[in-house]
Amino acid sequence: MKKFHLTTGYAGSSFYFKAFLVFGIVLVGLIFTIYTQLIVSQLRREIAETSRVYARLWQFAASEAATGAEINVIFEEIIEKSNFPIIVTDPQGRPSSWREVGVAHGDTSLKAMGRLTEIYRKMDSKRDPIPIYFGEPKTIISYLHYGDSPMVEKLRVMPLIEAGVVVLFLLVAFIGYHNLKKSEQHFIWVGMAKETAHQLGTPLSSLLGWLELLKMKRQPGSSETLSSYRQEEITDRMRADIKRLERVANRFGQIGSVPELKLTDLNGTIKEVVSYFETRLPGAGRGVRIEEDYGEVREVKVNPELISWVMENLIKNSLEVISPADGWIRISTSTSDDGKRAQITVSDNGRGVPARKQSKVFLPGYTTKKRGWGLGLTLARRIVEEYHRGKIQLTESIPHRRTTFLVTLPIET
């Protein structure tokens, strides 16, 4: 038989969550990268235009019309205050002036000249130098070599930094999500073990009680003897408890595999569950009542054991929140208007679920009880939505007036 692991219930949501996370991070990283590249391109265009302006100023400074004071103003106040690398060379390639290249201004040592030559050749490999003309006919007297500003260089590596941050974020998110899922799975398995012990405990205790009663009645010297009617009643009760044990074992066995679905009388299945609880109502049913309203519902393809488990969880939750003095539970069945879904409604007048917590009622661990693992509704949702392609939802909750759960199951046509 094909196995269906407990974690499969989260596989779909897990996949979509991871896909959304990866897509979102990649999209944000792509937007930042494109935006950064646009800024870099714009800055480079501005630098190129500024360099052309400097070249024209340099031409003006070299013209005969310019005075010595004007040349000083152009060089000291404009060119010397540029914030990007500039090297001016003569036509033979000897540096004559430079700025923002890591070489001290005025250093004319051979080492400095060699360094400047290496720098402007590197600049020329990326963009052509701007020639500076003088006189008529125009004669090249200098070349202006320029490069990107330190800010552009920093922005150029931004995509790499962003990619590293994105990868790091993805790694941290993956590790965190993996640990969260591992913790959640651990919680579910522990809760399942607790639920199993609880489910098995009631019929086992009952069987032990019946066995002890039989033992006492049959002891030599006992003043009481078992009538055939009493003996048959005890046997029937023990048989019911054994059947209950078998049902519990079947339920947990089907949680680990794909359950077998068959056409089932839904009303009859629910009536059996209600009958089981009616004999166990608080105060022997004097203050609590279960109202039933079964509509006409065609046979539905379900697993009776698992659907019974869903109903037990819903009814048990209602019994735990209603008042033992005047509590009521209403169970009804019907067919949707389009005839494609069977509907089961379970309502009670218990304390309800606060509005801010209604979205959490089906999450593992959510419970309003002081004792409990909060797995009943989680398992109910898994059974209804994953095994039966149905839907279970909390439709309303008005404290001490009405809280309603609706289960819908598809009807095969």
Protein backbone atom coordinates (compact mmCIF):
# COMPACT_ATOMS: atom_id res chain seq x y z
CA MET A 1 0.00 0.00 0.00
CA LYS A 2 1.29 3.45 -0.86
CA LYS A 3 2.57 5.26 2.20
CA PHE A 4 1.41 8.75 3.14
CA HIS A 5 3.67 10.28 5.77
CA LEU A 6 2.37 12.47 8.52
CA THR A 7 4.36 15.40 7.19
CA THR A 8 2.60 15.24 3.81
CA GLY A 9 -0.07 17.50 5.19
CA TYR A 10 2.40 20.32 5.24
CA ALA A 11 4.13 19.42 1.97
CA GLY A 12 1.88 21.54 -0.19
CA SER A 13 1.99 24.61 2.05
CA SER A 14 5.71 24.04 2.63
CA PHE A 15 6.42 24.01 -1.10
CA TYR A 16 4.39 27.15 -1.77
CA PHE A 17 5.99 28.91 1.20
CA LYS A 18 9.49 28.06 0.01
CA ALA A 19 8.67 29.00 -3.58
CA PHE A 20 7.20 32.32 -2.42
CA LEU A 21 10.21 32.97 -0.20
CA VAL A 22 12.75 32.23 -2.93
CA PHE A 23 10.80 34.15 -5.57
CA GLY A 24 10.39 37.15 -3.27
CA ILE A 25 14.06 37.29 -2.34
CA VAL A 26 15.23 36.84 -5.92
CA LEU A 27 12.80 39.53 -7.08
CA VAL A 28 13.99 41.99 -4.41
CA GLY A 29 17.62 41.20 -5.24
CA LEU A 30 16.93 41.69 -8.96
CA ILE A 31 15.21 45.02 -8.36
CA PHE A 32 18.11 46.28 -6.25
CA THR A 33 20.63 45.06 -8.83
CA ILE A 34 18.85 46.76 -11.73
CA TYR A 35 18.40 49.93 -9.70
CA THR A 36 22.07 49.94 -8.72
CA GLN A 37 23.18 49.42 -12.30
CA LEU A 38 20.97 52.30 -13.45
CA ILE A 39 22.59 54.56 -10.86
CA VAL A 40 26.07 53.42 -11.91
CA SER A 41 25.29 54.08 -15.58
CA GLN A 42 23.92 57.50 -14.78
CA LEU A 43 26.96 58.40 -12.67
CA ARG A 44 29.33 57.26 -15.41
CA ARG A 45 27.51 59.39 -17.96
CA GLU A 46 27.72 62.38 -15.63
CA ILE A 47 31.43 61.79 -15.09
CA ALA A 48 32.03 61.56 -18.82
CA GLU A 49 30.17 64.83 -19.37
CA THR A 50 32.01 66.51 -16.52
CA SER A 51 35.33 65.36 -17.97
CA ARG A 52 34.46 66.93 -21.31
CA VAL A 53 33.66 70.17 -19.50
CA TYR A 54 37.03 70.00 -17.75
CA ALA A 55 38.72 69.43 -21.10
CA ARG A 56 37.09 72.53 -22.51
CA LEU A 57 38.10 74.49 -19.42
CA TRP A 58 41.61 73.20 -19.84
CA GLN A 59 41.56 74.37 -23.45
CA PHE A 60 40.41 77.78 -22.24
CA ALA A 61 43.16 77.83 -19.64
CA ALA A 62 45.71 77.11 -22.36
CA SER A 63 44.38 79.76 -24.74
CA GLU A 64 46.13 83.04 -25.19
CA ALA A 65 43.00 84.90 -24.07
CA ALA A 66 43.22 83.56 -20.58
CA THR A 67 45.28 85.40 -18.00
CA GLY A 68 47.45 83.73 -15.41
CA ALA A 69 44.85 84.48 -12.69
CA GLU A 70 42.15 82.80 -14.78
CA ILE A 71 44.30 79.72 -15.29
CA ASN A 72 44.85 79.47 -11.52
CA VAL A 73 41.11 79.78 -10.84
CA ILE A 74 40.30 77.05 -13.40
CA PHE A 75 42.93 74.69 -12.11
CA GLU A 76 42.65 75.29 -8.35
CA GLU A 77 38.89 75.88 -7.94
CA ILE A 78 37.46 73.49 -10.54
CA ILE A 79 39.84 70.79 -11.71
CA GLU A 80 41.67 70.40 -8.41
CA LYS A 81 38.33 69.89 -6.63
CA SER A 82 37.08 67.13 -8.89
CA ASN A 83 35.96 64.01 -7.03
CA PHE A 84 36.91 61.44 -9.66
CA PRO A 85 40.32 60.31 -11.03
CA ILE A 86 41.92 62.64 -13.59
CA ILE A 87 45.35 62.49 -15.20
CA VAL A 88 46.49 65.06 -17.74
CA THR A 89 49.40 64.11 -19.99
CA ASP A 90 51.31 65.82 -22.76
CA PRO A 91 51.09 64.44 -26.33
CA GLN A 92 54.01 62.13 -25.55
CA GLY A 93 52.16 60.57 -22.61
CA ARG A 94 54.10 62.23 -19.78
CA PRO A 95 51.79 63.09 -16.81
CA SER A 96 51.62 66.78 -16.03
CA SER A 97 48.72 66.98 -13.59
CA TRP A 98 46.55 64.50 -11.74
CA ARG A 99 43.84 64.19 -9.17
CA GLU A 100 42.25 61.37 -7.04
CA VAL A 101 44.61 58.65 -8.30
CA GLY A 102 46.48 57.82 -5.09
CA VAL A 103 49.67 59.69 -6.06
CA ALA A 104 50.61 62.84 -4.19
CA HIS A 105 50.28 66.01 -6.25
CA GLY A 106 53.71 67.33 -7.21
CA ASP A 107 55.48 63.98 -6.83
CA THR A 108 57.54 63.75 -10.03
CA SER A 109 59.75 60.84 -9.04
CA LEU A 110 60.31 58.03 -11.54
CA LYS A 111 58.26 55.71 -9.37
CA ALA A 112 55.35 58.15 -9.29
CA MET A 113 55.53 58.70 -13.06
CA GLY A 114 55.53 54.95 -13.65
CA ARG A 115 52.53 54.53 -11.39
CA LEU A 116 50.63 57.36 -13.12
CA THR A 117 51.42 55.89 -16.54
CA GLU A 118 50.06 52.53 -15.42
CA ILE A 119 46.90 54.15 -14.06
CA TYR A 120 46.02 56.24 -17.11
CA ARG A 121 46.63 53.30 -19.46
CA LYS A 122 44.16 51.33 -17.41
CA MET A 123 41.73 54.25 -17.72
CA ASP A 124 42.23 54.34 -21.48
CA SER A 125 41.36 50.63 -21.72
CA LYS A 126 37.84 51.49 -20.55
CA ARG A 127 37.29 54.86 -22.28
CA ASP A 128 39.18 57.01 -24.73
CA PRO A 129 41.10 60.01 -23.38
CA ILE A 130 39.81 63.48 -24.28
CA PRO A 131 42.25 65.50 -26.40
CA ILE A 132 42.86 69.18 -25.49
CA TYR A 133 43.44 71.45 -28.48
CA PHE A 134 45.06 74.84 -28.82
CA GLY A 135 45.35 77.41 -31.57
CA GLU A 136 44.41 77.48 -35.21
CA PRO A 137 44.89 75.09 -36.82
CA LYS A 138 44.07 73.07 -33.74
CA THR A 139 47.00 71.31 -32.19
CA ILE A 140 46.76 68.68 -29.47
CA ILE A 141 48.65 69.96 -26.46
CA SER A 142 47.36 67.50 -23.81
CA TYR A 143 45.18 64.48 -23.15
CA LEU A 144 42.72 64.25 -20.28
CA HIS A 145 42.41 60.70 -18.95
CA TYR A 146 39.62 59.98 -16.47
CA GLY A 147 38.11 57.08 -14.58
CA ASP A 148 35.14 56.26 -12.42
CA SER A 149 34.76 57.86 -9.02
CA PRO A 150 35.25 55.75 -5.87
CA MET A 151 31.47 55.84 -5.39
CA VAL A 152 30.91 54.25 -8.80
CA GLU A 153 33.45 51.56 -7.98
CA LYS A 154 31.64 50.82 -4.73
CA LEU A 155 28.27 50.71 -6.46
CA ARG A 156 29.69 48.35 -9.07
CA VAL A 157 30.31 45.68 -6.43
CA MET A 158 26.91 46.25 -4.80
CA PRO A 159 25.20 43.47 -6.84
CA LEU A 160 27.80 41.01 -5.57
CA ILE A 161 27.22 42.14 -2.00
CA GLU A 162 23.46 41.95 -2.50
CA ALA A 163 23.76 38.46 -3.99
CA GLY A 164 25.82 37.40 -0.96
CA VAL A 165 23.25 38.86 1.42
CA VAL A 166 20.42 37.12 -0.47
CA VAL A 167 22.24 33.77 -0.34
CA LEU A 168 22.97 34.25 3.37
CA PHE A 169 19.35 35.18 4.03
CA LEU A 170 18.14 32.14 2.11
CA LEU A 171 20.50 29.93 4.08
CA VAL A 172 19.36 31.34 7.42
CA ALA A 173 15.70 31.12 6.34
CA PHE A 174 16.14 27.53 5.20
CA ILE A 175 17.85 26.50 8.44
CA GLY A 176 15.21 28.30 10.52
CA TYR A 177 12.35 26.82 8.51
CA HIS A 178 13.90 23.35 8.68
CA ASN A 179 14.27 23.61 12.46
CA LEU A 180 10.73 24.91 12.77
CA LYS A 181 9.34 22.02 10.74
CA LYS A 182 11.44 19.54 12.69
CA SER A 183 10.15 20.95 15.96
CA GLU A 184 6.58 20.93 14.64
CA GLN A 185 6.88 17.32 13.48
CA HIS A 186 8.33 16.34 16.84
CA PHE A 187 5.42 18.04 18.57
CA ILE A 188 2.92 16.25 16.32
CA TRP A 189 4.47 12.84 16.92
CA VAL A 190 4.55 13.38 20.68
CA GLY A 191 0.97 14.60 20.53
CA MET A 192 -0.04 11.59 18.46
CA ALA A 193 1.48 9.28 21.05
CA LYS A 194 -0.40 11.12 23.76
CA GLU A 195 -3.62 10.97 21.75
CA THR A 196 -3.12 7.24 21.15
CA ALA A 197 -2.68 6.61 24.87
CA HIS A 198 -5.79 8.66 25.57
CA GLN A 199 -7.87 6.88 22.92
CA LEU A 200 -6.77 3.45 24.14
CA GLY A 201 -7.04 4.33 27.81
CA THR A 202 -10.84 4.55 28.04
CA PRO A 203 -11.76 1.13 26.56
CA LEU A 204 -8.83 -0.54 28.33
CA SER A 205 -9.93 0.85 31.69
CA SER A 206 -13.48 -0.26 30.97
CA LEU A 207 -12.35 -3.79 30.06
CA LEU A 208 -10.28 -4.03 33.22
CA GLY A 209 -13.30 -2.93 35.22
CA TRP A 210 -15.55 -5.57 33.63
CA LEU A 211 -12.93 -8.26 34.17
CA GLU A 212 -12.59 -7.29 37.81
CA LEU A 213 -16.37 -7.43 38.22
CA LEU A 214 -16.52 -10.90 36.67
CA LYS A 215 -13.69 -12.02 38.92
CA MET A 216 -15.44 -10.76 42.07
CA LYS A 217 -18.76 -12.37 41.17
CA ARG A 218 -17.18 -15.75 40.55
CA GLN A 219 -15.04 -15.90 43.68
CA PRO A 220 -15.96 -18.75 46.08
CA GLY A 221 -18.17 -17.56 48.90
CA SER A 222 -19.44 -14.53 46.98
CA SER A 223 -22.94 -13.62 48.08
CA GLU A 224 -23.82 -12.39 44.59
CA THR A 225 -24.07 -14.42 41.43
CA LEU A 226 -24.35 -13.27 37.85
CA SER A 227 -27.69 -13.79 36.17
CA SER A 228 -27.62 -14.81 32.55
CA TYR A 229 -29.01 -11.37 31.63
CA ARG A 230 -26.34 -9.55 33.64
CA GLN A 231 -23.64 -11.76 32.23
CA GLU A 232 -24.83 -11.11 28.69
CA GLU A 233 -24.89 -7.36 29.34
CA ILE A 234 -21.30 -7.39 30.60
CA THR A 235 -20.24 -9.47 27.61
CA ASP A 236 -21.88 -7.00 25.25
CA ARG A 237 -20.13 -4.09 26.96
CA MET A 238 -16.78 -5.86 26.75
CA ARG A 239 -17.39 -6.65 23.10
CA ALA A 240 -18.14 -2.97 22.49
CA ASP A 241 -14.92 -1.94 24.22
CA ILE A 242 -12.92 -4.44 22.17
CA LYS A 243 -14.54 -3.07 19.02
CA ARG A 244 -13.58 0.38 20.21
CA LEU A 245 -9.95 -0.71 20.60
CA GLU A 246 -9.99 -2.18 17.13
CA ARG A 247 -11.42 1.04 15.74
CA VAL A 248 -8.74 3.15 17.43
CA ALA A 249 -6.01 0.92 16.04
CA ASN A 250 -7.51 1.16 12.56
CA ARG A 251 -7.67 4.93 12.78
CA PHE A 252 -4.03 5.41 13.65
CA GLY A 253 -3.03 2.81 11.09
CA GLN A 254 -4.81 4.76 8.37
CA ILE A 255 -3.13 8.02 9.39
CA GLY A 256 0.12 6.48 8.14
CA SER A 257 -1.26 5.31 4.78
CA VAL A 258 -3.74 6.27 2.10
CA PRO A 259 -7.13 5.31 3.57
CA GLU A 260 -9.64 3.24 1.65
CA LEU A 261 -12.73 5.22 0.69
CA LYS A 262 -16.09 3.63 0.07
CA LEU A 263 -19.68 4.76 -0.41
CA THR A 264 -21.07 5.31 3.07
CA ASP A 265 -24.33 6.37 4.66
CA LEU A 266 -23.09 9.57 6.28
CA ASN A 267 -26.13 9.97 8.51
CA GLY A 268 -25.74 6.43 9.85
CA THR A 269 -22.05 6.98 10.63
CA ILE A 270 -22.78 10.19 12.52
CA LYS A 271 -25.65 8.57 14.45
CA GLU A 272 -23.27 5.88 15.74
CA VAL A 273 -20.90 8.53 17.06
CA VAL A 274 -23.71 10.49 18.69
CA SER A 275 -25.06 7.32 20.30
CA TYR A 276 -21.62 6.63 21.78
CA PHE A 277 -21.49 10.08 23.40
CA GLU A 278 -25.11 10.07 24.59
CA THR A 279 -24.28 7.28 27.05
CA ARG A 280 -21.38 9.36 28.39
CA LEU A 281 -22.95 12.82 28.75
CA PRO A 282 -22.10 14.80 31.92
CA GLY A 283 -24.60 14.22 34.70
CA ALA A 284 -26.09 11.28 32.77
CA GLY A 285 -27.46 13.77 30.24
CA ARG A 286 -29.65 15.69 32.68
CA GLY A 287 -28.17 19.12 31.87
CA VAL A 288 -26.61 18.55 28.47
CA ARG A 289 -28.50 17.59 25.36
CA ILE A 290 -27.47 16.61 21.85
CA GLU A 291 -29.96 17.65 19.16
CA GLU A 292 -29.90 15.87 15.80
CA ASP A 293 -31.34 16.98 12.47
CA TYR A 294 -30.48 14.68 9.58
CA GLY A 295 -31.36 15.80 6.09
CA GLU A 296 -31.45 13.81 2.89
CA VAL A 297 -27.84 13.14 1.92
CA ARG A 298 -26.72 10.73 -0.77
CA GLU A 299 -24.05 8.19 0.02
CA VAL A 300 -20.63 9.79 0.17
CA LYS A 301 -17.31 8.14 -0.67
CA VAL A 302 -15.43 8.37 2.64
CA ASN A 303 -13.56 6.30 5.16
CA PRO A 304 -16.13 5.71 7.93
CA GLU A 305 -13.54 5.24 10.68
CA LEU A 306 -11.79 8.53 9.94
CA ILE A 307 -15.02 10.50 9.48
CA SER A 308 -16.21 9.08 12.82
CA TRP A 309 -12.96 10.35 14.33
CA VAL A 310 -13.63 13.84 12.95
CA MET A 311 -17.11 13.85 14.47
CA GLU A 312 -15.80 12.57 17.79
CA ASN A 313 -13.25 15.39 17.94
CA LEU A 314 -15.87 18.02 17.15
CA ILE A 315 -18.39 16.65 19.65
CA LYS A 316 -15.74 16.12 22.33
CA ASN A 317 -14.54 19.72 21.88
CA SER A 318 -18.12 20.94 22.27
CA LEU A 319 -18.68 18.87 25.41
CA GLU A 320 -15.56 20.38 26.96
CA VAL A 321 -16.66 24.01 26.46
CA ILE A 322 -20.40 23.90 27.17
CA SER A 323 -22.00 24.25 30.58
CA PRO A 324 -22.99 20.91 32.21
CA ALA A 325 -26.16 22.62 33.47
CA ASP A 326 -27.68 23.97 30.26
CA GLY A 327 -25.35 23.09 27.39
CA TRP A 328 -26.51 21.93 24.00
CA ILE A 329 -24.92 20.54 20.87
CA ARG A 330 -26.74 20.58 17.53
CA ILE A 331 -25.70 18.27 14.71
CA SER A 332 -27.27 18.52 11.31
CA THR A 333 -26.62 17.22 7.81
CA SER A 334 -27.73 18.55 4.45
CA THR A 335 -26.80 18.76 0.79
CA SER A 336 -25.45 21.95 -0.77
CA ASP A 337 -27.69 23.88 -3.15
CA ASP A 338 -25.78 22.64 -6.19
CA GLY A 339 -26.04 19.05 -4.97
CA LYS A 340 -22.27 18.50 -5.19
CA ARG A 341 -21.38 18.54 -1.49
CA ALA A 342 -22.59 16.91 1.70
CA GLN A 343 -22.62 19.31 4.65
CA ILE A 344 -22.23 18.50 8.34
CA THR A 345 -22.83 21.27 10.88
CA VAL A 346 -21.82 20.99 14.54
CA SER A 347 -22.92 23.87 16.80
CA ASP A 348 -22.81 24.46 20.55
CA ASN A 349 -23.46 27.21 23.08
CA GLY A 350 -20.04 26.98 24.73
CA ARG A 351 -17.57 29.72 25.56
CA GLY A 352 -16.51 30.00 21.92
CA VAL A 353 -13.26 31.10 20.33
CA PRO A 354 -11.97 34.70 20.61
CA ALA A 355 -12.04 36.54 17.28
CA ARG A 356 -8.28 37.12 17.28
CA LYS A 357 -7.65 33.39 17.66
CA GLN A 358 -10.21 31.97 15.24
CA SER A 359 -7.63 31.69 12.45
CA LYS A 360 -5.45 29.48 14.69
CA VAL A 361 -7.94 26.81 15.77
CA PHE A 362 -6.65 24.27 13.23
CA LEU A 363 -2.96 24.84 13.94
CA PRO A 364 -1.02 22.15 15.85
CA GLY A 365 -0.81 23.01 19.52
CA TYR A 366 -3.74 25.41 19.70
CA THR A 367 -6.03 24.59 22.61
CA THR A 368 -8.25 26.44 25.07
CA LYS A 369 -7.89 23.69 27.66
CA LYS A 370 -5.41 23.65 30.52
CA ARG A 371 -4.56 20.08 29.58
CA GLY A 372 -4.31 18.89 26.02
CA TRP A 373 -2.07 18.84 22.99
CA GLY A 374 -4.28 20.77 20.61
CA LEU A 375 -4.24 18.12 17.90
CA GLY A 376 -7.93 17.24 17.60
CA LEU A 377 -8.87 19.89 15.05
CA THR A 378 -5.50 19.55 13.31
CA LEU A 379 -6.14 15.87 12.69
CA ALA A 380 -9.75 16.62 11.72
CA ARG A 381 -8.59 19.05 9.06
CA ARG A 382 -6.00 16.59 7.77
CA ILE A 383 -8.63 13.86 7.50
CA VAL A 384 -11.27 16.04 5.83
CA GLU A 385 -9.13 18.13 3.49
CA GLU A 386 -6.27 15.81 2.56
CA TYR A 387 -7.85 12.36 2.67
CA HIS A 388 -11.35 13.30 1.52
CA ARG A 389 -10.78 16.46 -0.56
CA GLY A 390 -13.34 18.26 1.58
CA LYS A 391 -13.34 21.39 3.71
CA ILE A 392 -13.65 22.07 7.44
CA GLN A 393 -14.00 25.57 8.81
CA LEU A 394 -15.11 27.59 11.80
CA THR A 395 -18.00 29.59 10.36
CA GLU A 396 -18.97 31.61 13.45
CA SER A 397 -18.28 31.93 17.15
CA ILE A 398 -20.44 34.01 19.48
CA PRO A 399 -19.41 33.29 23.12
CA HIS A 400 -22.09 31.40 25.09
CA ARG A 401 -24.54 31.71 22.21
CA ARG A 402 -23.34 29.75 19.22
CA THR A 403 -20.10 28.36 17.80
CA THR A 404 -20.41 26.47 14.51
CA PHE A 405 -18.08 24.20 12.57
CA LEU A 406 -18.98 23.25 9.01
CA VAL A 407 -17.65 20.13 7.28
CA THR A 408 -18.25 19.72 3.56
CA LEU A 409 -17.51 16.54 1.60
CA PRO A 410 -17.70 16.12 -2.17
CA ILE A 411 -20.45 13.92 -3.56
CA GLU A 412 -19.37 11.91 -6.56
CA THR A 413 -21.81 12.16 -9.48
